PDB file of N, CA and C in Angstrom:
ATOM      1  N   UNK A   1       0.841  -1.160   0.000  1.00  0.00           N
ATOM      2  CA  UNK A   1       0.000   0.000   0.000  1.00  0.00           C
ATOM      3  C   UNK A   1       0.897   1.237   0.000  1.00  0.00           C
ATOM      4  N   UNK A   2       0.597   2.173  -0.834  1.00  0.00           N
ATOM      5  CA  UNK A   2       1.380   3.399  -0.921  1.00  0.00           C
ATOM      6  C   UNK A   2       0.558   4.565  -0.370  1.00  0.00           C
ATOM      7  N   UNK A   3       1.231   5.481   0.261  1.00  0.00           N
ATOM      8  CA  UNK A   3       0.592   6.674   0.802  1.00  0.00           C
ATOM      9  C   UNK A   3       1.186   7.898   0.119  1.00  0.00           C
ATOM     10  N   UNK A   4       0.363   8.951  -0.002  1.00  0.00           N
ATOM     11  CA  UNK A   4       0.893  10.195  -0.532  1.00  0.00           C
ATOM     12  C   UNK A   4       1.872  10.762   0.500  1.00  0.00           C
ATOM     13  N   UNK A   5       2.658  11.752   0.091  1.00  0.00           N
ATOM     14  CA  UNK A   5       3.656  12.330   1.002  1.00  0.00           C
ATOM     15  C   UNK A   5       3.010  12.889   2.265  1.00  0.00           C
ATOM     16  N   UNK A   6       1.850  13.509   2.126  1.00  0.00           N
ATOM     17  CA  UNK A   6       1.152  14.079   3.278  1.00  0.00           C
ATOM     18  C   UNK A   6       0.795  12.995   4.288  1.00  0.00           C
ATOM     19  N   UNK A   7       0.168  11.943   3.809  1.00  0.00           N
ATOM     20  CA  UNK A   7      -0.261  10.862   4.702  1.00  0.00           C
ATOM     21  C   UNK A   7       0.947  10.137   5.293  1.00  0.00           C
ATOM     22  N   UNK A   8       1.967   9.919   4.483  1.00  0.00           N
ATOM     23  CA  UNK A   8       3.177   9.264   4.968  1.00  0.00           C
ATOM     24  C   UNK A   8       3.818  10.112   6.056  1.00  0.00           C
ATOM     25  N   UNK A   9       3.821  11.419   5.887  1.00  0.00           N
ATOM     26  CA  UNK A   9       4.375  12.314   6.899  1.00  0.00           C
ATOM     27  C   UNK A   9       3.597  12.245   8.197  1.00  0.00           C
ATOM     28  N   UNK A  10       2.285  12.188   8.109  1.00  0.00           N
ATOM     29  CA  UNK A  10       1.470  12.090   9.317  1.00  0.00           C
ATOM     30  C   UNK A  10       1.690  10.755  10.015  1.00  0.00           C
ATOM     31  N   UNK A  11       1.816   9.690   9.253  1.00  0.00           N
ATOM     32  CA  UNK A  11       2.080   8.377   9.849  1.00  0.00           C
ATOM     33  C   UNK A  11       3.432   8.390  10.556  1.00  0.00           C
ATOM     34  N   UNK A  12       4.417   9.035   9.936  1.00  0.00           N
ATOM     35  CA  UNK A  12       5.745   9.133  10.529  1.00  0.00           C
ATOM     36  C   UNK A  12       5.691   9.944  11.824  1.00  0.00           C
ATOM     37  N   UNK A  13       4.977  11.075  11.795  1.00  0.00           N
ATOM     38  CA  UNK A  13       4.844  11.911  12.995  1.00  0.00           C
ATOM     39  C   UNK A  13       4.185  11.144  14.133  1.00  0.00           C
ATOM     40  N   UNK A  14       3.120  10.429  13.823  1.00  0.00           N
ATOM     41  CA  UNK A  14       2.417   9.656  14.853  1.00  0.00           C
ATOM     42  C   UNK A  14       3.332   8.572  15.412  1.00  0.00           C
ATOM     43  N   UNK A  15       4.088   7.934  14.561  1.00  0.00           N
ATOM     44  CA  UNK A  15       5.007   6.898  15.009  1.00  0.00           C
ATOM     45  C   UNK A  15       6.070   7.478  15.939  1.00  0.00           C
ATOM     46  N   UNK A  16       6.557   8.671  15.616  1.00  0.00           N
ATOM     47  CA  UNK A  16       7.549   9.313  16.482  1.00  0.00           C
ATOM     48  C   UNK A  16       6.964   9.612  17.865  1.00  0.00           C
ATOM     49  N   UNK A  17       5.744  10.090  17.901  1.00  0.00           N
ATOM     50  CA  UNK A  17       5.089  10.394  19.177  1.00  0.00           C
ATOM     51  C   UNK A  17       4.913   9.108  19.980  1.00  0.00           C
ATOM     52  N   UNK A  18       4.467   8.047  19.333  1.00  0.00           N
ATOM     53  CA  UNK A  18       4.287   6.776  20.035  1.00  0.00           C
ATOM     54  C   UNK A  18       5.613   6.250  20.578  1.00  0.00           C
ATOM     55  N   UNK A  19       6.686   6.349  19.790  1.00  0.00           N
ATOM     56  CA  UNK A  19       7.994   5.899  20.266  1.00  0.00           C
ATOM     57  C   UNK A  19       8.442   6.710  21.477  1.00  0.00           C
ATOM     58  N   UNK A  20       8.218   8.013  21.443  1.00  0.00           N
ATOM     59  CA  UNK A  20       8.615   8.870  22.562  1.00  0.00           C
ATOM     60  C   UNK A  20       7.820   8.527  23.820  1.00  0.00           C
ATOM     61  N   UNK A  21       6.520   8.309  23.672  1.00  0.00           N
ATOM     62  CA  UNK A  21       5.699   7.946  24.832  1.00  0.00           C
ATOM     63  C   UNK A  21       6.113   6.593  25.403  1.00  0.00           C
ATOM     64  N   UNK A  22       6.378   5.641  24.534  1.00  0.00           N
ATOM     65  CA  UNK A  22       6.789   4.306  25.010  1.00  0.00           C
ATOM     66  C   UNK A  22       8.165   4.361  25.677  1.00  0.00           C
ATOM     67  N   UNK A  23       9.071   5.163  25.146  1.00  0.00           N
ATOM     68  CA  UNK A  23      10.396   5.304  25.747  1.00  0.00           C
ATOM     69  C   UNK A  23      10.292   5.964  27.123  1.00  0.00           C
ATOM     70  N   UNK A  24       9.435   6.956  27.237  1.00  0.00           N
ATOM     71  CA  UNK A  24       9.227   7.609  28.533  1.00  0.00           C
ATOM     72  C   UNK A  24       8.646   6.625  29.528  1.00  0.00           C
ATOM     73  N   UNK A  25       7.699   5.843  29.086  1.00  0.00           N
ATOM     74  CA  UNK A  25       7.077   4.824  29.950  1.00  0.00           C
ATOM     75  C   UNK A  25       8.133   3.832  30.433  1.00  0.00           C
ATOM     76  N   UNK A  26       8.980   3.388  29.529  1.00  0.00           N
ATOM     77  CA  UNK A  26      10.041   2.434  29.872  1.00  0.00           C
ATOM     78  C   UNK A  26      11.034   3.065  30.849  1.00  0.00           C
ATOM     79  N   UNK A  27      11.402   4.319  30.611  1.00  0.00           N
ATOM     80  CA  UNK A  27      12.365   5.009  31.460  1.00  0.00           C
ATOM     81  C   UNK A  27      11.830   5.197  32.888  1.00  0.00           C
ATOM     82  N   UNK A  28      10.526   5.397  33.023  1.00  0.00           N
ATOM     83  CA  UNK A  28       9.930   5.636  34.334  1.00  0.00           C
ATOM     84  C   UNK A  28       9.638   4.357  35.122  1.00  0.00           C
ATOM     85  N   UNK A  29       9.725   3.221  34.459  1.00  0.00           N
ATOM     86  CA  UNK A  29       9.442   1.958  35.160  1.00  0.00           C
ATOM     87  C   UNK A  29      10.341   1.825  36.381  1.00  0.00           C
ATOM     88  N   UNK A  30       9.729   1.460  37.489  1.00  0.00           N
ATOM     89  CA  UNK A  30      10.494   1.228  38.715  1.00  0.00           C
ATOM     90  C   UNK A  30      10.736   2.484  39.538  1.00  0.00           C
ATOM     91  N   UNK A  31      10.298   3.643  39.055  1.00  0.00           N
ATOM     92  CA  UNK A  31      10.487   4.858  39.834  1.00  0.00           C
ATOM     93  C   UNK A  31       9.280   5.085  40.742  1.00  0.00           C
ATOM     94  N   UNK A  32       9.484   5.932  41.740  1.00  0.00           N
ATOM     95  CA  UNK A  32       8.408   6.261  42.658  1.00  0.00           C
ATOM     96  C   UNK A  32       7.291   6.957  41.875  1.00  0.00           C
ATOM     97  N   UNK A  33       6.058   6.564  42.134  1.00  0.00           N
ATOM     98  CA  UNK A  33       4.922   7.149  41.440  1.00  0.00           C
ATOM     99  C   UNK A  33       4.704   6.588  40.051  1.00  0.00           C
ATOM    100  N   UNK A  34       5.357   5.482  39.743  1.00  0.00           N
ATOM    101  CA  UNK A  34       5.258   4.913  38.397  1.00  0.00           C
ATOM    102  C   UNK A  34       3.836   4.512  38.045  1.00  0.00           C
ATOM    103  N   UNK A  35       3.097   3.995  38.996  1.00  0.00           N
ATOM    104  CA  UNK A  35       1.746   3.507  38.707  1.00  0.00           C
ATOM    105  C   UNK A  35       0.876   4.598  38.086  1.00  0.00           C
ATOM    106  N   UNK A  36       0.886   5.792  38.681  1.00  0.00           N
ATOM    107  CA  UNK A  36       0.089   6.892  38.144  1.00  0.00           C
ATOM    108  C   UNK A  36       0.626   7.341  36.781  1.00  0.00           C
ATOM    109  N   UNK A  37       1.938   7.427  36.685  1.00  0.00           N
ATOM    110  CA  UNK A  37       2.556   7.832  35.416  1.00  0.00           C
ATOM    111  C   UNK A  37       2.258   6.802  34.335  1.00  0.00           C
ATOM    112  N   UNK A  38       2.316   5.532  34.695  1.00  0.00           N
ATOM    113  CA  UNK A  38       2.054   4.464  33.730  1.00  0.00           C
ATOM    114  C   UNK A  38       0.627   4.545  33.208  1.00  0.00           C
ATOM    115  N   UNK A  39      -0.310   4.803  34.102  1.00  0.00           N
ATOM    116  CA  UNK A  39      -1.705   4.920  33.674  1.00  0.00           C
ATOM    117  C   UNK A  39      -1.883   6.104  32.722  1.00  0.00           C
ATOM    118  N   UNK A  40      -1.250   7.224  33.044  1.00  0.00           N
ATOM    119  CA  UNK A  40      -1.353   8.405  32.192  1.00  0.00           C
ATOM    120  C   UNK A  40      -0.708   8.151  30.832  1.00  0.00           C
ATOM    121  N   UNK A  41       0.467   7.529  30.827  1.00  0.00           N
ATOM    122  CA  UNK A  41       1.150   7.243  29.563  1.00  0.00           C
ATOM    123  C   UNK A  41       0.381   6.218  28.738  1.00  0.00           C
ATOM    124  N   UNK A  42      -0.187   5.217  29.393  1.00  0.00           N
ATOM    125  CA  UNK A  42      -0.978   4.216  28.679  1.00  0.00           C
ATOM    126  C   UNK A  42      -2.178   4.877  28.012  1.00  0.00           C
ATOM    127  N   UNK A  43      -2.829   5.797  28.720  1.00  0.00           N
ATOM    128  CA  UNK A  43      -3.969   6.508  28.140  1.00  0.00           C
ATOM    129  C   UNK A  43      -3.524   7.381  26.963  1.00  0.00           C
ATOM    130  N   UNK A  44      -2.381   8.035  27.101  1.00  0.00           N
ATOM    131  CA  UNK A  44      -1.868   8.874  26.012  1.00  0.00           C
ATOM    132  C   UNK A  44      -1.524   8.031  24.791  1.00  0.00           C
ATOM    133  N   UNK A  45      -0.893   6.901  25.007  1.00  0.00           N
ATOM    134  CA  UNK A  45      -0.531   6.006  23.908  1.00  0.00           C
ATOM    135  C   UNK A  45      -1.785   5.542  23.171  1.00  0.00           C
ATOM    136  N   UNK A  46      -2.805   5.135  23.911  1.00  0.00           N
ATOM    137  CA  UNK A  46      -4.047   4.683  23.280  1.00  0.00           C
ATOM    138  C   UNK A  46      -4.729   5.817  22.519  1.00  0.00           C
ATOM    139  N   UNK A  47      -4.681   7.024  23.075  1.00  0.00           N
ATOM    140  CA  UNK A  47      -5.296   8.165  22.402  1.00  0.00           C
ATOM    141  C   UNK A  47      -4.601   8.453  21.076  1.00  0.00           C
ATOM    142  N   UNK A  48      -3.282   8.397  21.066  1.00  0.00           N
ATOM    143  CA  UNK A  48      -2.532   8.652  19.828  1.00  0.00           C
ATOM    144  C   UNK A  48      -2.771   7.531  18.824  1.00  0.00           C
ATOM    145  N   UNK A  49      -2.796   6.293  19.299  1.00  0.00           N
ATOM    146  CA  UNK A  49      -3.037   5.163  18.396  1.00  0.00           C
ATOM    147  C   UNK A  49      -4.413   5.228  17.753  1.00  0.00           C
ATOM    148  N   UNK A  50      -5.380   5.785  18.490  1.00  0.00           N
ATOM    149  CA  UNK A  50      -6.749   5.837  18.001  1.00  0.00           C
ATOM    150  C   UNK A  50      -6.993   7.001  17.032  1.00  0.00           C
ATOM    151  N   UNK A  51      -6.033   7.911  16.923  1.00  0.00           N
ATOM    152  CA  UNK A  51      -6.220   9.046  16.024  1.00  0.00           C
ATOM    153  C   UNK A  51      -6.397   8.572  14.587  1.00  0.00           C
ATOM    154  N   UNK A  52      -7.370   9.152  13.934  1.00  0.00           N
ATOM    155  CA  UNK A  52      -7.541   8.867  12.520  1.00  0.00           C
ATOM    156  C   UNK A  52      -6.670   9.826  11.746  1.00  0.00           C
ATOM    157  N   UNK A  53      -6.007   9.302  10.759  1.00  0.00           N
ATOM    158  CA  UNK A  53      -5.164  10.141   9.918  1.00  0.00           C
ATOM    159  C   UNK A  53      -5.988  10.533   8.708  1.00  0.00           C
ATOM    160  N   UNK A  54      -6.409  11.797   8.675  1.00  0.00           N
ATOM    161  CA  UNK A  54      -7.240  12.200   7.538  1.00  0.00           C
ATOM    162  C   UNK A  54      -6.413  12.268   6.260  1.00  0.00           C
ATOM    163  N   UNK A  55      -7.038  11.911   5.197  1.00  0.00           N
ATOM    164  CA  UNK A  55      -6.396  12.016   3.892  1.00  0.00           C
ATOM    165  C   UNK A  55      -6.934  13.266   3.236  1.00  0.00           C
ATOM    166  N   UNK A  56      -6.088  14.254   3.085  1.00  0.00           N
ATOM    167  CA  UNK A  56      -6.506  15.497   2.467  1.00  0.00           C
ATOM    168  C   UNK A  56      -6.429  15.349   0.957  1.00  0.00           C
ATOM    169  N   UNK A  57      -7.518  15.536   0.310  1.00  0.00           N
ATOM    170  CA  UNK A  57      -7.553  15.393  -1.139  1.00  0.00           C
ATOM    171  C   UNK A  57      -8.007  16.715  -1.737  1.00  0.00           C
ATOM    172  N   UNK A  58      -7.056  17.466  -2.228  1.00  0.00           N
ATOM    173  CA  UNK A  58      -7.356  18.754  -2.843  1.00  0.00           C
ATOM    174  C   UNK A  58      -7.579  18.562  -4.329  1.00  0.00           C
ATOM    175  N   UNK A  59      -8.353  19.441  -4.908  1.00  0.00           N
ATOM    176  CA  UNK A  59      -8.621  19.367  -6.335  1.00  0.00           C
ATOM    177  C   UNK A  59      -7.689  20.246  -7.150  1.00  0.00           C
ATOM    178  N   UNK A  60      -6.649  20.780  -6.520  1.00  0.00           N
ATOM    179  CA  UNK A  60      -5.698  21.626  -7.225  1.00  0.00           C
ATOM    180  C   UNK A  60      -4.810  20.762  -8.128  1.00  0.00           C
ATOM    181  N   UNK A  61      -4.796  21.097  -9.358  1.00  0.00           N
ATOM    182  CA  UNK A  61      -3.960  20.351 -10.298  1.00  0.00           C
ATOM    183  C   UNK A  61      -2.938  21.302 -10.922  1.00  0.00           C
ATOM    184  N   UNK A  62      -1.708  20.845 -10.934  1.00  0.00           N
ATOM    185  CA  UNK A  62      -0.633  21.607 -11.552  1.00  0.00           C
ATOM    186  C   UNK A  62       0.014  20.706 -12.593  1.00  0.00           C
ATOM    187  N   UNK A  63      -0.066  21.110 -13.821  1.00  0.00           N
ATOM    188  CA  UNK A  63       0.501  20.309 -14.922  1.00  0.00           C
ATOM    189  C   UNK A  63      -0.047  18.878 -14.913  1.00  0.00           C
ATOM    190  N   UNK A  64      -1.327  18.729 -14.570  1.00  0.00           N
ATOM    191  CA  UNK A  64      -1.950  17.423 -14.610  1.00  0.00           C
ATOM    192  C   UNK A  64      -1.711  16.583 -13.372  1.00  0.00           C
ATOM    193  N   UNK A  65      -0.963  17.101 -12.393  1.00  0.00           N
ATOM    194  CA  UNK A  65      -0.702  16.330 -11.177  1.00  0.00           C
ATOM    195  C   UNK A  65      -1.624  16.815 -10.063  1.00  0.00           C
ATOM    196  N   UNK A  66      -2.100  15.877  -9.274  1.00  0.00           N
ATOM    197  CA  UNK A  66      -2.908  16.228  -8.114  1.00  0.00           C
ATOM    198  C   UNK A  66      -1.978  16.474  -6.958  1.00  0.00           C
ATOM    199  N   UNK A  67      -2.158  17.585  -6.264  1.00  0.00           N
ATOM    200  CA  UNK A  67      -1.290  17.934  -5.153  1.00  0.00           C
ATOM    201  C   UNK A  67      -2.024  17.731  -3.844  1.00  0.00           C
ATOM    202  N   UNK A  68      -1.434  17.018  -2.920  1.00  0.00           N
ATOM    203  CA  UNK A  68      -2.001  16.811  -1.570  1.00  0.00           C
ATOM    204  C   UNK A  68      -1.314  17.772  -0.661  1.00  0.00           C
TER     205      UNK A  68
END
């Protein structure tokens, strides 16, 4: 499956956010107050995973190409 540059960029951005949240969660494991932090990070991770990535489809054509 191929994605346009816009959609691929959004997928990349979301992946970066998920990696950062998971790394933070891993780094905090075993620290005081981890349980509350873990719950907050787990909720944040699920919220980011659930985001729909909209596909912007513009009707602007330049030299016969569709631009997203």
